[in-house]
Amino acid sequence: MKKLKKSNIAILIPCYNEAKTIEKVVRDYKKAIPEATIYVYDNNSNDGTDKIASKAGAVVKYEYRQGKGNVIRSMFRDIEADCYLMIDGDDTYPAESAREMCDLILEGKADMVIGDRLSSTYFQENKRMFHNFGNVLVRKLINFIFKNNVKDIMTGYRAFSYDFVKGFPVLSKGFEIETEMTIHAVDKNFKLVEIPVQYRDRPEGSVSKLNTVSDGIKVLKTIGTLFKEYRPALFFNIFASLTAIAGIIIGIAPFVDYFKTGVVLKFPSLIFACFLVTVGVLLWITGMILQVIVKKNKQSYELYLNEIKMLEKLVLEKRKKD
């Protein structure tokens, strides 16, 4: 591997009541990447997570709006770095893959590196059956809708480039954030690399903040919303087709009667059928219009990334002068 230039690496750890594990996590990642700055963002913990993290050597900041998405939004806005490594504070991700993930970013081989748990030890370590089912379901849905083959959609172990972080519009407030990140990377054609990483279940006494049912529903709603927003033509065409087909089926009987008798005997059915077909056509038109808007937004986003690149060059020039 080629020798990398000296770079600024930020390790981001969103935390809510992780007093049992945060010290070990900070020390493990400080040992793995000693030159990195470790940021722990405390999200209203009441168990002393912030004090333990600070004592272990992390820079502690606070986000008072509850939810992982809110924490990530603040992290991405506040911190300037060449490479960002995001991990959870629950000690489920061993640090041995951290250097490889950061190197892929710093060498320009990836804009987002996904730590793929599902191809390694996740299903053996995770004892929560519905969490396993949910991960598989979300993966299949997103890969089907967005025509990709991402192996682990919801992992919290990721590395990012400066361009991705500063160009990512965080909309989610909670645990849906990983799903949103993945879809954004796929849709905007960022360089995405997955590497298998080891996963271990939480240590005894450490409790997951993820609610299988309520957070699972939020993730599915997020997928539906992003499907509509990122691929509106396909989304609306599905409903347009279903509506138009229903209208045609309902309208068959009035037309058959008319051709047999020369009289329309079922006016309500005919009117309703025409209504459904009209709605189907309107939905199709809506999808086409929104798809054009999405394409224009993609073009604008590419220009925005060019501006970020120019800003990055100015920052590098300033660093050299300093």
Foldseek 3Di string as FASTA:
>chain_A
DDDFDDWEEEEEEEDAAQQVFQLVVLLQQCVLPVRYAYEYEYAPHDPCSQVSNVVSPHHYHYDPQDAPLSVLLCVLVPDDTQKYWFAYRQPFFGNPCVVVQRVCSRVVVFQKEAAAAVVDCVVVADPDVLVVVLQVVLQVLCCVLLVDRDRGQQHRTMMGGNLLSNLQDRDDGHSLRSNSSVSVCSLLVTNYHYDHGHTHDGDPPDDDPDDSPPVSVVNVVVSVVCSCQRQVLVVLLVQLVVLLVVLVVLQPVQVVVCVVPVDRPCVVSNVSSVVSNVVSVVSNVVSVVSVVVNVVVSVVSVVVSVVVVVVVVVVVVVVVVD
